[in-house]
N, C-alpha and C. Protein backbone atom coordinates (compact mmCIF):
# COMPACT_ATOMS: atom_id res chain seq x y z
N MET A 1 -129.99 -122.53 -67.13
CA MET A 1 -130.87 -123.28 -66.28
C MET A 1 -131.73 -124.25 -67.07
N THR A 2 -132.10 -123.89 -68.26
CA THR A 2 -133.03 -124.70 -69.04
C THR A 2 -132.63 -126.17 -69.06
N GLY A 3 -131.34 -126.44 -69.11
CA GLY A 3 -130.89 -127.81 -69.11
C GLY A 3 -130.83 -128.41 -67.72
N GLY A 4 -131.11 -127.59 -66.69
CA GLY A 4 -130.97 -128.02 -65.31
C GLY A 4 -132.04 -128.95 -64.82
N GLY A 5 -133.17 -128.96 -65.46
CA GLY A 5 -134.22 -129.89 -65.12
C GLY A 5 -135.10 -129.47 -63.95
N HIS A 6 -135.81 -130.46 -63.44
CA HIS A 6 -136.83 -130.28 -62.41
C HIS A 6 -136.32 -129.48 -61.21
N GLU A 7 -135.22 -129.90 -60.65
CA GLU A 7 -134.70 -129.26 -59.44
C GLU A 7 -134.35 -127.79 -59.68
N ALA A 8 -133.73 -127.49 -60.80
CA ALA A 8 -133.35 -126.11 -61.11
C ALA A 8 -134.59 -125.23 -61.27
N VAL A 9 -135.61 -125.74 -61.96
CA VAL A 9 -136.85 -124.98 -62.16
C VAL A 9 -137.56 -124.81 -60.82
N GLN A 10 -137.59 -125.85 -60.03
CA GLN A 10 -138.23 -125.78 -58.72
C GLN A 10 -137.56 -124.70 -57.85
N ASN A 11 -136.24 -124.70 -57.82
CA ASN A 11 -135.52 -123.70 -57.04
C ASN A 11 -135.76 -122.28 -57.58
N LEU A 12 -135.83 -122.13 -58.89
CA LEU A 12 -136.10 -120.83 -59.48
C LEU A 12 -137.49 -120.33 -59.05
N LEU A 13 -138.50 -121.19 -59.11
CA LEU A 13 -139.84 -120.80 -58.68
C LEU A 13 -139.87 -120.44 -57.20
N LEU A 14 -139.14 -121.18 -56.38
CA LEU A 14 -139.08 -120.89 -54.95
C LEU A 14 -138.44 -119.53 -54.70
N ARG A 15 -137.33 -119.25 -55.39
CA ARG A 15 -136.64 -117.95 -55.22
C ARG A 15 -137.51 -116.80 -55.73
N MET A 16 -138.19 -117.01 -56.86
CA MET A 16 -139.07 -115.96 -57.39
C MET A 16 -140.20 -115.68 -56.39
N GLY A 17 -140.80 -116.73 -55.87
CA GLY A 17 -141.89 -116.56 -54.90
C GLY A 17 -141.45 -115.80 -53.66
N THR A 18 -140.31 -116.15 -53.12
CA THR A 18 -139.84 -115.44 -51.92
C THR A 18 -139.49 -113.99 -52.25
N ALA A 19 -138.93 -113.74 -53.43
CA ALA A 19 -138.61 -112.37 -53.84
C ALA A 19 -139.89 -111.54 -53.96
N MET A 20 -140.99 -112.19 -54.27
CA MET A 20 -142.26 -111.49 -54.41
C MET A 20 -142.98 -111.34 -53.07
N GLY A 21 -142.38 -111.86 -52.01
CA GLY A 21 -142.95 -111.71 -50.68
C GLY A 21 -143.85 -112.84 -50.24
N PHE A 22 -143.90 -113.91 -51.01
CA PHE A 22 -144.72 -115.06 -50.64
C PHE A 22 -143.95 -116.00 -49.73
N ASP A 23 -144.68 -116.71 -48.88
CA ASP A 23 -144.13 -117.90 -48.26
C ASP A 23 -144.20 -118.96 -49.33
N VAL A 24 -143.35 -119.96 -49.24
CA VAL A 24 -143.34 -120.99 -50.28
C VAL A 24 -143.40 -122.38 -49.65
N TRP A 25 -143.91 -123.29 -50.44
CA TRP A 25 -143.99 -124.71 -50.07
C TRP A 25 -143.35 -125.50 -51.18
N VAL A 26 -142.60 -126.51 -50.82
CA VAL A 26 -142.05 -127.42 -51.81
C VAL A 26 -142.59 -128.81 -51.49
N ALA A 27 -142.82 -129.61 -52.52
CA ALA A 27 -143.37 -130.95 -52.33
C ALA A 27 -142.61 -131.68 -51.23
N ARG A 28 -143.37 -132.34 -50.38
CA ARG A 28 -142.79 -133.01 -49.21
C ARG A 28 -141.60 -133.90 -49.60
N ASN A 29 -141.70 -134.62 -50.71
CA ASN A 29 -140.63 -135.53 -51.11
C ASN A 29 -139.42 -134.80 -51.70
N ASP A 30 -139.50 -133.47 -51.90
CA ASP A 30 -138.38 -132.70 -52.45
C ASP A 30 -137.70 -131.80 -51.42
N LYS A 31 -138.21 -131.76 -50.20
CA LYS A 31 -137.70 -130.83 -49.18
C LYS A 31 -136.20 -130.96 -48.95
N SER A 32 -135.66 -132.17 -49.01
CA SER A 32 -134.24 -132.36 -48.72
C SER A 32 -133.34 -131.78 -49.82
N ARG A 33 -133.91 -131.51 -51.00
CA ARG A 33 -133.12 -130.99 -52.12
C ARG A 33 -133.14 -129.46 -52.21
N VAL A 34 -133.80 -128.82 -51.26
CA VAL A 34 -133.96 -127.37 -51.31
C VAL A 34 -133.09 -126.71 -50.24
N ASP A 35 -132.44 -125.62 -50.62
CA ASP A 35 -131.63 -124.85 -49.68
C ASP A 35 -132.55 -123.87 -48.95
N ALA A 36 -133.06 -124.29 -47.79
CA ALA A 36 -134.01 -123.48 -47.03
C ALA A 36 -133.40 -122.15 -46.61
N GLN A 37 -132.11 -122.14 -46.32
CA GLN A 37 -131.42 -120.90 -45.91
C GLN A 37 -131.53 -119.84 -47.01
N ALA A 38 -131.40 -120.25 -48.25
CA ALA A 38 -131.43 -119.32 -49.38
C ALA A 38 -132.81 -118.68 -49.55
N LEU A 39 -133.82 -119.25 -48.91
CA LEU A 39 -135.18 -118.74 -49.06
C LEU A 39 -135.57 -117.82 -47.91
N GLY A 40 -134.60 -117.43 -47.12
CA GLY A 40 -134.82 -116.43 -46.09
C GLY A 40 -135.92 -116.75 -45.09
N GLY A 41 -136.03 -118.01 -44.71
CA GLY A 41 -137.03 -118.38 -43.71
C GLY A 41 -138.45 -118.41 -44.23
N ARG A 42 -138.63 -118.34 -45.54
CA ARG A 42 -139.99 -118.29 -46.10
C ARG A 42 -140.50 -119.68 -46.53
N LEU A 43 -139.66 -120.71 -46.39
CA LEU A 43 -140.09 -122.07 -46.74
C LEU A 43 -140.93 -122.62 -45.59
N LYS A 44 -142.18 -122.92 -45.89
CA LYS A 44 -143.09 -123.41 -44.86
C LYS A 44 -142.82 -124.88 -44.56
N GLU A 45 -142.92 -125.21 -43.28
CA GLU A 45 -142.76 -126.59 -42.84
C GLU A 45 -144.10 -127.33 -42.81
N SER A 46 -145.18 -126.56 -42.77
CA SER A 46 -146.50 -127.18 -42.78
C SER A 46 -147.45 -126.34 -43.63
N LEU A 47 -148.49 -126.98 -44.10
CA LEU A 47 -149.47 -126.32 -44.95
C LEU A 47 -150.53 -125.62 -44.12
N PRO A 48 -151.20 -124.61 -44.70
CA PRO A 48 -152.32 -124.00 -43.99
C PRO A 48 -153.33 -125.08 -43.62
N ARG A 49 -153.98 -124.94 -42.50
CA ARG A 49 -154.84 -126.00 -41.97
C ARG A 49 -156.31 -125.89 -42.34
N GLN A 50 -156.68 -125.00 -43.25
CA GLN A 50 -158.11 -124.87 -43.54
C GLN A 50 -158.64 -125.96 -44.45
N PHE A 51 -157.75 -126.79 -44.98
CA PHE A 51 -158.20 -127.85 -45.89
C PHE A 51 -158.40 -129.16 -45.15
N ASP A 52 -159.23 -130.03 -45.71
CA ASP A 52 -159.42 -131.34 -45.12
C ASP A 52 -158.20 -132.21 -45.41
N ASP A 53 -158.14 -133.37 -44.76
CA ASP A 53 -156.97 -134.25 -44.89
C ASP A 53 -156.73 -134.69 -46.34
N ALA A 54 -157.80 -135.01 -47.06
CA ALA A 54 -157.65 -135.47 -48.45
C ALA A 54 -157.02 -134.37 -49.31
N THR A 55 -157.47 -133.13 -49.12
CA THR A 55 -156.90 -132.02 -49.88
C THR A 55 -155.44 -131.82 -49.50
N ASN A 56 -155.15 -131.87 -48.21
CA ASN A 56 -153.76 -131.70 -47.77
C ASN A 56 -152.84 -132.78 -48.34
N ARG A 57 -153.35 -134.01 -48.42
CA ARG A 57 -152.51 -135.09 -48.98
C ARG A 57 -152.19 -134.81 -50.45
N THR A 58 -153.10 -134.17 -51.17
CA THR A 58 -152.84 -133.80 -52.56
C THR A 58 -151.88 -132.62 -52.61
N ILE A 59 -152.19 -131.58 -51.85
CA ILE A 59 -151.40 -130.34 -51.89
C ILE A 59 -149.95 -130.59 -51.51
N GLU A 60 -149.71 -131.44 -50.53
CA GLU A 60 -148.33 -131.61 -50.06
C GLU A 60 -147.41 -132.22 -51.10
N HIS A 61 -147.98 -132.75 -52.19
CA HIS A 61 -147.16 -133.33 -53.25
C HIS A 61 -147.03 -132.43 -54.49
N ILE A 62 -147.67 -131.27 -54.45
CA ILE A 62 -147.53 -130.31 -55.55
C ILE A 62 -146.12 -129.72 -55.46
N ASP A 63 -145.45 -129.59 -56.60
CA ASP A 63 -144.03 -129.22 -56.62
C ASP A 63 -143.71 -127.91 -55.90
N VAL A 64 -144.45 -126.84 -56.20
CA VAL A 64 -144.21 -125.54 -55.57
C VAL A 64 -145.54 -124.83 -55.36
N LEU A 65 -145.68 -124.24 -54.18
CA LEU A 65 -146.83 -123.37 -53.89
C LEU A 65 -146.31 -122.01 -53.45
N TRP A 66 -146.99 -120.97 -53.89
CA TRP A 66 -146.75 -119.62 -53.38
C TRP A 66 -147.92 -119.32 -52.45
N LEU A 67 -147.62 -118.98 -51.21
CA LEU A 67 -148.64 -118.79 -50.19
C LEU A 67 -148.64 -117.36 -49.66
N LYS A 68 -149.83 -116.85 -49.43
CA LYS A 68 -149.99 -115.54 -48.80
C LYS A 68 -150.89 -115.78 -47.60
N ARG A 69 -150.33 -115.66 -46.42
CA ARG A 69 -151.01 -116.04 -45.19
C ARG A 69 -151.52 -117.48 -45.34
N ASN A 70 -152.83 -117.67 -45.25
CA ASN A 70 -153.36 -119.03 -45.35
C ASN A 70 -153.92 -119.38 -46.72
N SER A 71 -153.65 -118.55 -47.71
CA SER A 71 -154.20 -118.86 -49.03
C SER A 71 -153.10 -119.22 -50.02
N ILE A 72 -153.47 -120.08 -50.96
CA ILE A 72 -152.55 -120.47 -52.02
C ILE A 72 -152.73 -119.48 -53.17
N GLU A 73 -151.68 -118.75 -53.49
CA GLU A 73 -151.73 -117.78 -54.58
C GLU A 73 -151.45 -118.44 -55.93
N ALA A 74 -150.54 -119.41 -55.94
CA ALA A 74 -150.21 -120.10 -57.19
C ALA A 74 -149.67 -121.49 -56.85
N ALA A 75 -150.01 -122.44 -57.71
CA ALA A 75 -149.53 -123.82 -57.57
C ALA A 75 -148.85 -124.22 -58.88
N PHE A 76 -147.69 -124.85 -58.75
CA PHE A 76 -146.89 -125.21 -59.91
C PHE A 76 -146.55 -126.70 -59.89
N GLU A 77 -146.77 -127.34 -61.00
CA GLU A 77 -146.27 -128.70 -61.23
C GLU A 77 -145.22 -128.59 -62.31
N ILE A 78 -144.07 -129.18 -62.07
CA ILE A 78 -142.96 -129.16 -63.02
C ILE A 78 -142.86 -130.55 -63.62
N GLU A 79 -142.94 -130.62 -64.92
CA GLU A 79 -142.87 -131.93 -65.59
C GLU A 79 -141.65 -131.94 -66.51
N HIS A 80 -140.56 -132.46 -66.00
CA HIS A 80 -139.32 -132.50 -66.77
C HIS A 80 -139.23 -133.81 -67.54
N THR A 81 -139.20 -134.91 -66.81
CA THR A 81 -139.09 -136.21 -67.47
C THR A 81 -140.30 -137.08 -67.18
N THR A 82 -141.06 -136.73 -66.14
CA THR A 82 -142.20 -137.56 -65.79
C THR A 82 -143.36 -137.27 -66.74
N SER A 83 -144.36 -138.09 -66.64
CA SER A 83 -145.55 -137.92 -67.47
C SER A 83 -146.25 -136.61 -67.11
N ILE A 84 -146.65 -135.89 -68.09
CA ILE A 84 -147.35 -134.62 -67.89
C ILE A 84 -148.64 -134.88 -67.13
N TYR A 85 -149.22 -136.02 -67.38
CA TYR A 85 -150.52 -136.36 -66.82
C TYR A 85 -150.50 -136.41 -65.30
N SER A 86 -149.43 -136.89 -64.67
CA SER A 86 -149.40 -137.03 -63.21
C SER A 86 -149.49 -135.67 -62.53
N GLY A 87 -148.78 -134.68 -63.03
CA GLY A 87 -148.86 -133.34 -62.45
C GLY A 87 -150.22 -132.71 -62.66
N LEU A 88 -150.79 -132.91 -63.84
CA LEU A 88 -152.12 -132.37 -64.12
C LEU A 88 -153.18 -133.01 -63.22
N LEU A 89 -153.01 -134.29 -62.93
CA LEU A 89 -153.96 -134.96 -62.03
C LEU A 89 -153.95 -134.32 -60.65
N ARG A 90 -152.76 -134.00 -60.14
CA ARG A 90 -152.68 -133.35 -58.82
C ARG A 90 -153.38 -131.99 -58.87
N LEU A 91 -153.13 -131.21 -59.92
CA LEU A 91 -153.77 -129.90 -60.03
C LEU A 91 -155.28 -130.04 -60.20
N ALA A 92 -155.72 -131.02 -61.00
CA ALA A 92 -157.15 -131.25 -61.19
C ALA A 92 -157.80 -131.72 -59.90
N ASP A 93 -157.10 -132.57 -59.14
CA ASP A 93 -157.62 -133.02 -57.85
C ASP A 93 -157.82 -131.83 -56.92
N LEU A 94 -156.85 -130.94 -56.86
CA LEU A 94 -156.96 -129.75 -56.03
C LEU A 94 -158.18 -128.93 -56.46
N ALA A 95 -158.32 -128.70 -57.75
CA ALA A 95 -159.45 -127.92 -58.26
C ALA A 95 -160.79 -128.60 -57.97
N ALA A 96 -160.83 -129.92 -58.07
CA ALA A 96 -162.07 -130.66 -57.82
C ALA A 96 -162.42 -130.68 -56.34
N MET A 97 -161.42 -130.79 -55.48
CA MET A 97 -161.68 -130.85 -54.04
C MET A 97 -161.98 -129.48 -53.44
N GLN A 98 -161.50 -128.44 -54.08
CA GLN A 98 -161.70 -127.07 -53.57
C GLN A 98 -162.25 -126.19 -54.70
N PRO A 99 -163.45 -126.50 -55.20
CA PRO A 99 -163.97 -125.80 -56.38
C PRO A 99 -164.24 -124.31 -56.19
N ASN A 100 -164.35 -123.87 -54.94
CA ASN A 100 -164.65 -122.47 -54.70
C ASN A 100 -163.40 -121.60 -54.55
N LEU A 101 -162.25 -122.21 -54.62
CA LEU A 101 -161.01 -121.45 -54.49
C LEU A 101 -160.56 -120.95 -55.85
N ASN A 102 -160.00 -119.77 -55.86
CA ASN A 102 -159.47 -119.20 -57.09
C ASN A 102 -157.95 -119.24 -57.01
N ILE A 103 -157.38 -120.36 -57.41
CA ILE A 103 -155.94 -120.55 -57.32
C ILE A 103 -155.38 -120.59 -58.74
N ARG A 104 -154.29 -119.87 -58.95
CA ARG A 104 -153.60 -119.95 -60.24
C ARG A 104 -152.85 -121.28 -60.29
N LEU A 105 -153.11 -122.05 -61.34
CA LEU A 105 -152.46 -123.35 -61.53
C LEU A 105 -151.58 -123.27 -62.77
N TYR A 106 -150.36 -123.77 -62.64
CA TYR A 106 -149.42 -123.74 -63.77
C TYR A 106 -148.72 -125.08 -63.91
N LEU A 107 -148.57 -125.51 -65.14
CA LEU A 107 -147.73 -126.65 -65.44
C LEU A 107 -146.50 -126.10 -66.15
N VAL A 108 -145.33 -126.32 -65.57
CA VAL A 108 -144.08 -125.81 -66.11
C VAL A 108 -143.33 -126.99 -66.73
N ALA A 109 -142.95 -126.84 -67.99
CA ALA A 109 -142.33 -127.95 -68.70
C ALA A 109 -141.37 -127.41 -69.76
N PRO A 110 -140.48 -128.28 -70.23
CA PRO A 110 -139.56 -127.86 -71.29
C PRO A 110 -140.31 -127.36 -72.53
N ASP A 111 -139.68 -126.46 -73.25
CA ASP A 111 -140.29 -125.85 -74.44
C ASP A 111 -140.77 -126.91 -75.43
N GLU A 112 -140.00 -127.97 -75.59
CA GLU A 112 -140.35 -128.98 -76.59
C GLU A 112 -141.58 -129.80 -76.20
N LYS A 113 -142.05 -129.67 -74.94
CA LYS A 113 -143.25 -130.40 -74.51
C LYS A 113 -144.51 -129.54 -74.61
N ARG A 114 -144.38 -128.33 -75.14
CA ARG A 114 -145.49 -127.38 -75.19
C ARG A 114 -146.77 -127.99 -75.75
N ASP A 115 -146.69 -128.53 -76.96
CA ASP A 115 -147.89 -129.04 -77.62
C ASP A 115 -148.54 -130.16 -76.80
N LYS A 116 -147.73 -131.04 -76.25
CA LYS A 116 -148.24 -132.15 -75.45
C LYS A 116 -148.91 -131.63 -74.18
N VAL A 117 -148.30 -130.65 -73.51
CA VAL A 117 -148.88 -130.08 -72.30
C VAL A 117 -150.24 -129.46 -72.60
N LEU A 118 -150.30 -128.62 -73.62
CA LEU A 118 -151.56 -127.96 -73.96
C LEU A 118 -152.64 -128.96 -74.36
N GLN A 119 -152.23 -130.01 -75.03
CA GLN A 119 -153.17 -131.07 -75.43
C GLN A 119 -153.71 -131.79 -74.19
N GLU A 120 -152.84 -132.08 -73.22
CA GLU A 120 -153.25 -132.79 -72.01
C GLU A 120 -154.17 -131.93 -71.14
N ILE A 121 -153.86 -130.64 -71.01
CA ILE A 121 -154.70 -129.75 -70.20
C ILE A 121 -156.13 -129.72 -70.75
N ALA A 122 -156.25 -129.81 -72.07
CA ALA A 122 -157.56 -129.74 -72.73
C ALA A 122 -158.26 -131.10 -72.85
N ARG A 123 -157.74 -132.15 -72.24
CA ARG A 123 -158.36 -133.48 -72.31
C ARG A 123 -159.82 -133.43 -71.88
N PRO A 124 -160.66 -134.25 -72.49
CA PRO A 124 -162.08 -134.27 -72.12
C PRO A 124 -162.32 -134.52 -70.63
N ALA A 125 -161.53 -135.38 -70.00
CA ALA A 125 -161.73 -135.66 -68.57
C ALA A 125 -161.57 -134.39 -67.74
N PHE A 126 -160.63 -133.55 -68.10
CA PHE A 126 -160.41 -132.30 -67.36
C PHE A 126 -161.42 -131.23 -67.77
N ALA A 127 -161.97 -131.35 -68.95
CA ALA A 127 -162.96 -130.38 -69.43
C ALA A 127 -164.29 -130.55 -68.70
N ARG A 128 -164.50 -131.70 -68.06
CA ARG A 128 -165.77 -131.99 -67.40
C ARG A 128 -165.80 -131.53 -65.93
N LEU A 129 -164.70 -130.98 -65.44
CA LEU A 129 -164.70 -130.44 -64.08
C LEU A 129 -165.69 -129.28 -64.02
N PRO A 130 -166.19 -128.93 -62.83
CA PRO A 130 -167.13 -127.79 -62.73
C PRO A 130 -166.60 -126.54 -63.45
N THR A 131 -165.32 -126.27 -63.29
CA THR A 131 -164.64 -125.27 -64.11
C THR A 131 -163.57 -126.04 -64.87
N PRO A 132 -163.64 -126.10 -66.20
CA PRO A 132 -162.67 -126.88 -66.96
C PRO A 132 -161.22 -126.52 -66.60
N LEU A 133 -160.38 -127.52 -66.51
CA LEU A 133 -158.98 -127.29 -66.16
C LEU A 133 -158.32 -126.30 -67.12
N SER A 134 -158.75 -126.32 -68.38
CA SER A 134 -158.18 -125.41 -69.37
C SER A 134 -158.44 -123.94 -69.03
N GLU A 135 -159.43 -123.68 -68.19
CA GLU A 135 -159.71 -122.31 -67.76
C GLU A 135 -158.93 -121.92 -66.51
N MET A 136 -158.35 -122.93 -65.83
CA MET A 136 -157.66 -122.66 -64.57
C MET A 136 -156.16 -122.88 -64.65
N CYS A 137 -155.73 -123.75 -65.53
CA CYS A 137 -154.33 -124.17 -65.58
C CYS A 137 -153.68 -123.67 -66.86
N ARG A 138 -152.51 -123.08 -66.71
CA ARG A 138 -151.79 -122.53 -67.86
C ARG A 138 -150.40 -123.17 -67.94
N TYR A 139 -149.83 -123.13 -69.10
CA TYR A 139 -148.49 -123.69 -69.38
C TYR A 139 -147.45 -122.58 -69.33
N ILE A 140 -146.34 -122.85 -68.64
CA ILE A 140 -145.17 -121.96 -68.65
C ILE A 140 -143.99 -122.78 -69.17
N SER A 141 -143.36 -122.29 -70.21
CA SER A 141 -142.18 -122.98 -70.74
C SER A 141 -140.96 -122.67 -69.87
N TYR A 142 -140.00 -123.57 -69.87
CA TYR A 142 -138.76 -123.32 -69.13
C TYR A 142 -138.13 -122.01 -69.59
N SER A 143 -138.06 -121.81 -70.92
CA SER A 143 -137.40 -120.59 -71.41
C SER A 143 -138.19 -119.34 -71.02
N GLY A 144 -139.52 -119.42 -71.02
CA GLY A 144 -140.35 -118.30 -70.63
C GLY A 144 -140.16 -117.94 -69.16
N LEU A 145 -140.05 -118.96 -68.32
CA LEU A 145 -139.83 -118.74 -66.89
C LEU A 145 -138.46 -118.12 -66.65
N GLU A 146 -137.47 -118.70 -67.30
CA GLU A 146 -136.09 -118.22 -67.15
C GLU A 146 -135.99 -116.76 -67.63
N GLU A 147 -136.60 -116.46 -68.75
CA GLU A 147 -136.59 -115.11 -69.30
C GLU A 147 -137.27 -114.12 -68.36
N ALA A 148 -138.41 -114.51 -67.80
CA ALA A 148 -139.14 -113.64 -66.88
C ALA A 148 -138.35 -113.41 -65.59
N ALA A 149 -137.71 -114.47 -65.09
CA ALA A 149 -136.91 -114.34 -63.87
C ALA A 149 -135.79 -113.33 -64.07
N SER A 150 -135.20 -113.36 -65.22
CA SER A 150 -134.11 -112.44 -65.54
C SER A 150 -134.66 -111.02 -65.79
N LYS A 151 -135.68 -110.92 -66.61
CA LYS A 151 -136.24 -109.63 -67.00
C LYS A 151 -136.82 -108.86 -65.80
N TYR A 152 -137.48 -109.58 -64.89
CA TYR A 152 -138.16 -108.94 -63.78
C TYR A 152 -137.41 -109.02 -62.45
N ALA A 153 -136.17 -109.49 -62.47
CA ALA A 153 -135.41 -109.71 -61.24
C ALA A 153 -135.43 -108.51 -60.30
N GLU A 154 -135.25 -107.33 -60.85
CA GLU A 154 -135.16 -106.12 -60.02
C GLU A 154 -136.51 -105.65 -59.47
N VAL A 155 -137.61 -106.12 -60.07
CA VAL A 155 -138.92 -105.62 -59.65
C VAL A 155 -139.84 -106.71 -59.11
N LEU A 156 -139.34 -107.92 -58.93
CA LEU A 156 -140.18 -109.01 -58.45
C LEU A 156 -140.92 -108.65 -57.17
N SER A 157 -140.26 -107.92 -56.27
CA SER A 157 -140.89 -107.58 -55.00
C SER A 157 -142.12 -106.69 -55.18
N HIS A 158 -142.29 -106.12 -56.35
CA HIS A 158 -143.43 -105.24 -56.62
C HIS A 158 -144.53 -105.92 -57.44
N LEU A 159 -144.29 -107.16 -57.85
CA LEU A 159 -145.26 -107.85 -58.71
C LEU A 159 -146.21 -108.73 -57.90
N LYS A 160 -147.36 -108.98 -58.48
CA LYS A 160 -148.32 -109.93 -57.92
C LYS A 160 -148.27 -111.19 -58.79
N ALA A 161 -148.82 -112.26 -58.26
CA ALA A 161 -148.76 -113.55 -58.96
C ALA A 161 -149.38 -113.50 -60.35
N ASP A 162 -150.29 -112.58 -60.59
CA ASP A 162 -150.94 -112.55 -61.89
C ASP A 162 -150.00 -112.12 -63.03
N PHE A 163 -148.79 -111.66 -62.72
CA PHE A 163 -147.84 -111.37 -63.79
C PHE A 163 -147.51 -112.64 -64.57
N LEU A 164 -147.69 -113.80 -63.95
CA LEU A 164 -147.42 -115.06 -64.62
C LEU A 164 -148.35 -115.30 -65.81
N ASP A 165 -149.51 -114.67 -65.77
CA ASP A 165 -150.44 -114.83 -66.90
C ASP A 165 -149.82 -114.30 -68.20
N GLY A 166 -148.93 -113.32 -68.06
CA GLY A 166 -148.28 -112.76 -69.24
C GLY A 166 -147.18 -113.62 -69.81
N ILE A 167 -146.68 -114.57 -69.02
CA ILE A 167 -145.61 -115.45 -69.52
C ILE A 167 -146.10 -116.87 -69.73
N SER A 168 -147.39 -117.08 -69.49
CA SER A 168 -147.94 -118.43 -69.62
C SER A 168 -148.92 -118.47 -70.78
N GLU A 169 -149.36 -119.67 -71.08
CA GLU A 169 -150.23 -119.88 -72.23
C GLU A 169 -151.39 -120.77 -71.84
N ALA A 170 -152.58 -120.40 -72.27
CA ALA A 170 -153.78 -121.19 -71.99
C ALA A 170 -153.94 -122.28 -73.04
N ALA A 171 -154.54 -123.37 -72.63
CA ALA A 171 -154.88 -124.44 -73.58
C ALA A 171 -156.24 -124.10 -74.18
N GLU A 172 -156.39 -124.38 -75.43
CA GLU A 172 -157.66 -124.13 -76.09
C GLU A 172 -158.39 -125.45 -76.29
N LEU A 173 -159.63 -125.49 -75.87
CA LEU A 173 -160.42 -126.71 -76.08
C LEU A 173 -160.69 -126.87 -77.56
N ARG A 174 -160.54 -128.09 -78.04
CA ARG A 174 -160.76 -128.34 -79.47
C ARG A 174 -162.13 -128.93 -79.70
């Protein structure tokens, strides 16, 4: 899968989320590329309505969301070939617009982009948020995600979203 790129990683995250019992959301512009049947009816057609329109416009473009009832359990931006910064901006926008929410934010990228991702998460602009992005957003490598999907396949239905903290990495402010 590692060579599969954005779509393969997106589908893996969607399958993992449904296996864990979450409803899932895929970015509005990617819906046509997802096999909704394979997700057992857990792919949401609309977002929870507790957010204002500006927040919803941001959320609907986040690559993958894991949802539990009306709450977002985890948000994922996948940066395969695009600029790392664009995905981080969406996650930072979400954090800035909804500062009281405790949402796990992850940037998923190829292993070779690790240093760049961690450097971008720790940028001064993101450090100035009420809660610095480096405290909310973690990096997951393609290989780490793939390894976890394989290792935990049989027990995903028993895991909570916080298991991702064990396969992800925090950025350190310099």
